[in-house]
Amino acid sequence: MSSGVSLLNSPDNRLPDPSDGPADGPVAIGGDLSPDLLIEAYNKGIFPWFSDDDGPLLWWSPDPRAVLLLEDFKPSKSLRRLMRRGRFRVTFDQAFSEVVSACAEPRSNSTETWITPNMQRAYRTLYDLELGHSVECWEEDELVGGLYGISLGAMFFGESMFSKVSNASKVALARLVEQLLQWRFTVLDCQVMNQHLRSLGAIDIPRNQFLSLLSENRRHVTRTGRWDLYAENA
């Protein structure tokens, strides 16, 4: 086991300060998916990520950290044209469970998913607490794309996205960024970089820089309530 990894083998254990934790491994192992521990995790820049419900929980705070700085988000010309055509209808918080279930489906290059049944139940609880939110992209009455995550302060912590139709998740993300900017949010946490996120404008920043942004974020009051009043064609 790597040095700097905390074992959460008691209800009294708390998640560590991840500043000096492993860059590419878990900073803690164990614990549960209770709302209190999940909220503590996000406030510390840590998130759960594991592959099956039978193994121990793994808690991560990677270095570097993938983020989308909202003021720097620039949708491509083709994406802007697609949104102007109004092909999709975008809603908020109207199908959270369906979005999570769609995100949990294995990708075409894998038969596994890290969004296990326990993980799905945990984030639905955060939705019930009005901290979890979803963005849905509809083509007529069919859910064809979307994303979900956690909102704390002026940051949105993205968990996963899916598309059943080309560009549907990109439209959902672009509409989310528009709304978050209106509410003066600053950062969308993307956790770990991949090619799709990079194409949307995400960048890697050092973990310590991310933790500094997180510290500043604690000064902001979390926006509570459902976001389902905000919907439009895109």
Protein backbone atom coordinates (compact mmCIF):
# COMPACT_ATOMS: atom_id res chain seq x y z
CA MET A 1 0.00 0.00 0.00
CA SER A 2 1.36 3.46 -0.88
CA SER A 3 2.48 5.78 1.88
CA GLY A 4 0.04 8.58 2.68
CA VAL A 5 -3.05 6.40 2.23
CA SER A 6 -5.52 6.65 5.12
CA LEU A 7 -7.56 3.66 6.28
CA LEU A 8 -11.14 4.48 7.20
CA ASN A 9 -11.91 1.47 9.38
CA SER A 10 -13.93 3.24 12.05
CA PRO A 11 -17.01 5.50 11.94
CA ASP A 12 -14.87 8.13 13.69
CA ASN A 13 -12.26 8.24 10.92
CA ARG A 14 -12.25 11.35 8.76
CA LEU A 15 -10.90 11.78 5.27
CA PRO A 16 -7.36 13.19 5.13
CA ASP A 17 -6.06 16.45 3.77
CA PRO A 18 -5.07 15.25 0.28
CA SER A 19 -2.26 17.78 -0.21
CA ASP A 20 0.50 15.24 0.33
CA GLY A 21 -1.41 12.14 -0.76
CA PRO A 22 -0.50 9.95 -3.75
CA ALA A 23 -0.81 11.69 -7.09
CA ASP A 24 -2.10 8.69 -9.03
CA GLY A 25 -3.55 6.42 -6.35
CA PRO A 26 -6.23 6.58 -3.66
CA VAL A 27 -5.68 8.91 -0.70
CA ALA A 28 -7.99 6.81 1.51
CA ILE A 29 -9.52 3.34 1.58
CA GLY A 30 -12.69 2.25 3.36
CA GLY A 31 -15.59 4.13 4.87
CA ASP A 32 -19.03 4.32 3.33
CA LEU A 33 -21.15 6.34 0.92
CA SER A 34 -23.12 8.19 3.58
CA PRO A 35 -24.15 11.75 2.67
CA ASP A 36 -21.98 13.22 5.45
CA LEU A 37 -18.84 11.48 4.23
CA LEU A 38 -19.53 12.30 0.58
CA ILE A 39 -20.06 15.99 1.37
CA GLU A 40 -16.89 16.02 3.46
CA ALA A 41 -15.05 14.40 0.56
CA TYR A 42 -16.10 16.98 -2.01
CA ASN A 43 -15.30 19.82 0.36
CA LYS A 44 -11.78 18.38 0.65
CA GLY A 45 -11.28 17.78 -3.07
CA ILE A 46 -11.77 14.01 -2.81
CA PHE A 47 -14.20 11.73 -4.63
CA PRO A 48 -15.06 8.01 -4.53
CA TRP A 49 -14.14 5.86 -7.49
CA PHE A 50 -14.14 2.07 -7.43
CA SER A 51 -15.11 -0.82 -9.65
CA ASP A 52 -17.40 -3.14 -7.68
CA ASP A 53 -19.69 -3.15 -4.65
CA ASP A 54 -17.82 -6.06 -3.03
CA GLY A 55 -14.47 -4.30 -2.69
CA PRO A 56 -13.48 -1.45 -0.34
CA LEU A 57 -14.26 2.13 -1.18
CA LEU A 58 -11.38 4.00 -2.78
CA TRP A 59 -11.13 7.79 -2.35
CA TRP A 60 -9.16 9.84 -4.88
CA SER A 61 -7.68 13.30 -5.24
CA PRO A 62 -5.54 13.10 -8.39
CA ASP A 63 -2.64 15.35 -9.25
CA PRO A 64 -3.07 16.97 -11.73
CA ARG A 65 -6.80 17.69 -11.55
CA ALA A 66 -8.99 18.19 -14.62
CA VAL A 67 -11.20 21.28 -14.42
CA LEU A 68 -13.28 23.47 -16.69
CA LEU A 69 -12.82 27.15 -15.80
CA LEU A 70 -16.26 28.42 -16.68
CA GLU A 71 -15.28 31.88 -17.89
CA ASP A 72 -12.84 30.27 -20.33
CA PHE A 73 -15.37 27.85 -21.83
CA LYS A 74 -15.63 28.43 -25.56
CA PRO A 75 -18.06 26.14 -27.44
CA SER A 76 -16.99 25.32 -30.96
CA LYS A 77 -18.67 26.97 -33.94
CA SER A 78 -20.33 23.68 -34.87
CA LEU A 79 -21.71 23.29 -31.33
CA ARG A 80 -23.03 26.85 -31.33
CA ARG A 81 -24.73 26.21 -34.68
CA LEU A 82 -26.29 23.03 -33.34
CA MET A 83 -27.65 24.86 -30.29
CA ARG A 84 -29.06 27.68 -32.41
CA ARG A 85 -31.00 25.14 -34.49
CA GLY A 86 -32.90 24.07 -31.38
CA ARG A 87 -32.72 20.37 -32.15
CA PHE A 88 -32.55 19.42 -28.47
CA ARG A 89 -34.57 20.44 -25.43
CA VAL A 90 -32.44 20.83 -22.30
CA THR A 91 -33.85 20.49 -18.79
CA PHE A 92 -32.46 20.43 -15.25
CA ASP A 93 -33.32 18.00 -12.44
CA GLN A 94 -36.23 16.40 -14.28
CA ALA A 95 -34.78 12.90 -14.74
CA PHE A 96 -31.91 12.51 -12.27
CA SER A 97 -32.29 8.77 -11.75
CA GLU A 98 -32.57 8.12 -15.48
CA VAL A 99 -29.42 10.13 -16.18
CA VAL A 100 -27.46 8.28 -13.49
CA SER A 101 -28.67 4.93 -14.83
CA ALA A 102 -27.67 5.88 -18.38
CA CYS A 103 -24.24 7.02 -17.19
CA ALA A 104 -23.83 3.69 -15.38
CA GLU A 105 -24.22 1.66 -18.56
CA PRO A 106 -20.86 0.18 -19.65
CA ARG A 107 -19.11 2.05 -22.44
CA SER A 108 -18.59 0.39 -25.81
CA ASN A 109 -14.96 -0.45 -25.00
CA SER A 110 -15.70 -2.01 -21.58
CA THR A 111 -18.06 -4.40 -19.85
CA GLU A 112 -17.61 -2.75 -16.42
CA THR A 113 -18.89 0.39 -14.75
CA TRP A 114 -17.67 2.24 -11.68
CA ILE A 115 -21.20 3.64 -11.11
CA THR A 116 -22.30 0.62 -9.10
CA PRO A 117 -25.79 0.16 -7.59
CA ASN A 118 -24.50 1.44 -4.22
CA MET A 119 -22.98 4.46 -5.92
CA GLN A 120 -26.24 5.18 -7.74
CA ARG A 121 -28.21 5.03 -4.49
CA ALA A 122 -25.73 7.34 -2.77
CA TYR A 123 -26.02 10.06 -5.41
CA ARG A 124 -29.79 9.76 -5.50
CA THR A 125 -29.70 10.53 -1.78
CA LEU A 126 -27.64 13.65 -2.51
CA TYR A 127 -30.26 14.57 -5.12
CA ASP A 128 -32.95 14.21 -2.46
CA LEU A 129 -30.88 16.59 -0.31
CA GLU A 130 -30.85 19.07 -3.24
CA LEU A 131 -27.08 18.84 -3.65
CA GLY A 132 -27.11 16.42 -6.58
CA HIS A 133 -28.24 17.80 -9.94
CA SER A 134 -28.73 16.53 -13.47
CA VAL A 135 -28.91 18.08 -16.91
CA GLU A 136 -31.04 16.25 -19.47
CA CYS A 137 -30.90 16.53 -23.24
CA TRP A 138 -34.06 15.44 -25.03
CA GLU A 139 -34.86 14.79 -28.68
CA GLU A 140 -38.64 15.03 -28.76
CA ASP A 141 -39.59 12.83 -25.77
CA GLU A 142 -36.47 10.66 -25.72
CA LEU A 143 -33.62 11.21 -23.27
CA VAL A 144 -30.57 11.18 -25.55
CA GLY A 145 -27.85 12.69 -23.38
CA GLY A 146 -27.03 14.33 -20.11
CA LEU A 147 -24.80 14.59 -17.09
CA TYR A 148 -24.98 14.70 -13.32
CA GLY A 149 -22.89 15.99 -10.44
CA ILE A 150 -22.79 17.77 -7.10
CA SER A 151 -23.15 21.48 -6.41
CA LEU A 152 -21.34 23.03 -3.43
CA GLY A 153 -20.73 26.75 -3.11
CA ALA A 154 -19.75 28.20 -6.49
CA MET A 155 -18.37 24.94 -7.86
CA PHE A 156 -20.05 22.11 -9.72
CA PHE A 157 -18.43 18.70 -9.32
CA GLY A 158 -19.17 16.73 -12.47
CA GLU A 159 -19.51 12.98 -12.04
CA SER A 160 -20.39 11.50 -15.42
CA MET A 161 -22.08 12.19 -18.75
CA PHE A 162 -23.59 10.12 -21.55
CA SER A 163 -24.75 10.47 -25.14
CA LYS A 164 -27.03 8.26 -27.16
CA VAL A 165 -27.03 10.78 -30.02
CA SER A 166 -23.95 12.58 -31.30
CA ASN A 167 -23.19 15.83 -29.43
CA ALA A 168 -26.09 15.47 -26.96
CA SER A 169 -23.82 15.50 -23.90
CA LYS A 170 -21.90 18.48 -25.32
CA VAL A 171 -25.15 20.42 -25.64
CA ALA A 172 -26.07 19.51 -22.06
CA LEU A 173 -22.68 20.68 -20.80
CA ALA A 174 -22.78 23.93 -22.77
CA ARG A 175 -26.23 24.74 -21.41
CA LEU A 176 -25.05 23.92 -17.88
CA VAL A 177 -22.07 26.25 -18.24
CA GLU A 178 -24.36 29.05 -19.43
CA GLN A 179 -26.58 28.62 -16.38
CA LEU A 180 -23.71 28.30 -13.92
CA LEU A 181 -22.16 31.51 -15.23
CA GLN A 182 -25.47 33.30 -14.67
CA TRP A 183 -25.32 32.11 -11.07
CA ARG A 184 -21.67 33.24 -10.78
CA PHE A 185 -20.21 29.79 -10.44
CA THR A 186 -16.51 29.66 -11.27
CA VAL A 187 -15.31 26.07 -11.73
CA LEU A 188 -16.62 22.76 -13.01
CA ASP A 189 -14.54 19.91 -11.58
CA CYS A 190 -13.95 17.20 -14.19
CA GLN A 191 -11.78 15.01 -11.91
CA VAL A 192 -9.63 13.08 -14.42
CA MET A 193 -8.77 14.23 -17.93
CA ASN A 194 -9.76 12.33 -21.05
CA GLN A 195 -9.87 13.21 -24.73
CA HIS A 196 -13.58 14.05 -24.67
CA LEU A 197 -13.18 16.47 -21.75
CA ARG A 198 -10.15 18.10 -23.37
CA SER A 199 -12.18 18.68 -26.55
CA LEU A 200 -14.70 20.57 -24.42
CA GLY A 201 -12.08 22.91 -23.00
CA ALA A 202 -11.06 21.15 -19.79
CA ILE A 203 -7.48 21.68 -18.60
CA ASP A 204 -5.21 20.01 -16.06
CA ILE A 205 -4.09 22.05 -13.06
CA PRO A 206 -1.84 21.06 -10.13
CA ARG A 207 -3.72 19.55 -7.19
CA ASN A 208 -2.54 22.31 -4.84
CA GLN A 209 -4.01 24.91 -7.20
CA PHE A 210 -7.30 23.00 -7.25
CA LEU A 211 -7.33 22.84 -3.44
CA SER A 212 -6.76 26.61 -3.32
CA LEU A 213 -9.77 27.13 -5.60
CA LEU A 214 -11.72 24.82 -3.31
CA SER A 215 -10.71 26.84 -0.25
CA GLU A 216 -11.94 30.03 -1.91
CA ASN A 217 -15.16 28.26 -2.85
CA ARG A 218 -16.05 27.62 0.81
CA ARG A 219 -16.87 31.31 1.16
CA HIS A 220 -19.84 30.91 -1.17
CA VAL A 221 -23.26 29.74 -0.04
CA THR A 222 -24.50 26.55 -1.73
CA ARG A 223 -27.45 27.13 -4.04
CA THR A 224 -30.21 24.88 -2.71
CA GLY A 225 -33.46 23.84 -4.32
CA ARG A 226 -34.32 22.11 -7.56
CA TRP A 227 -32.96 23.50 -10.80
CA ASP A 228 -35.93 22.28 -12.84
CA LEU A 229 -37.22 25.79 -13.53
CA TYR A 230 -34.46 26.32 -16.05
CA ALA A 231 -35.17 24.69 -19.39
CA GLU A 232 -35.00 25.72 -23.01
CA ASN A 233 -34.48 24.44 -26.50
CA ALA A 234 -30.84 24.13 -27.48
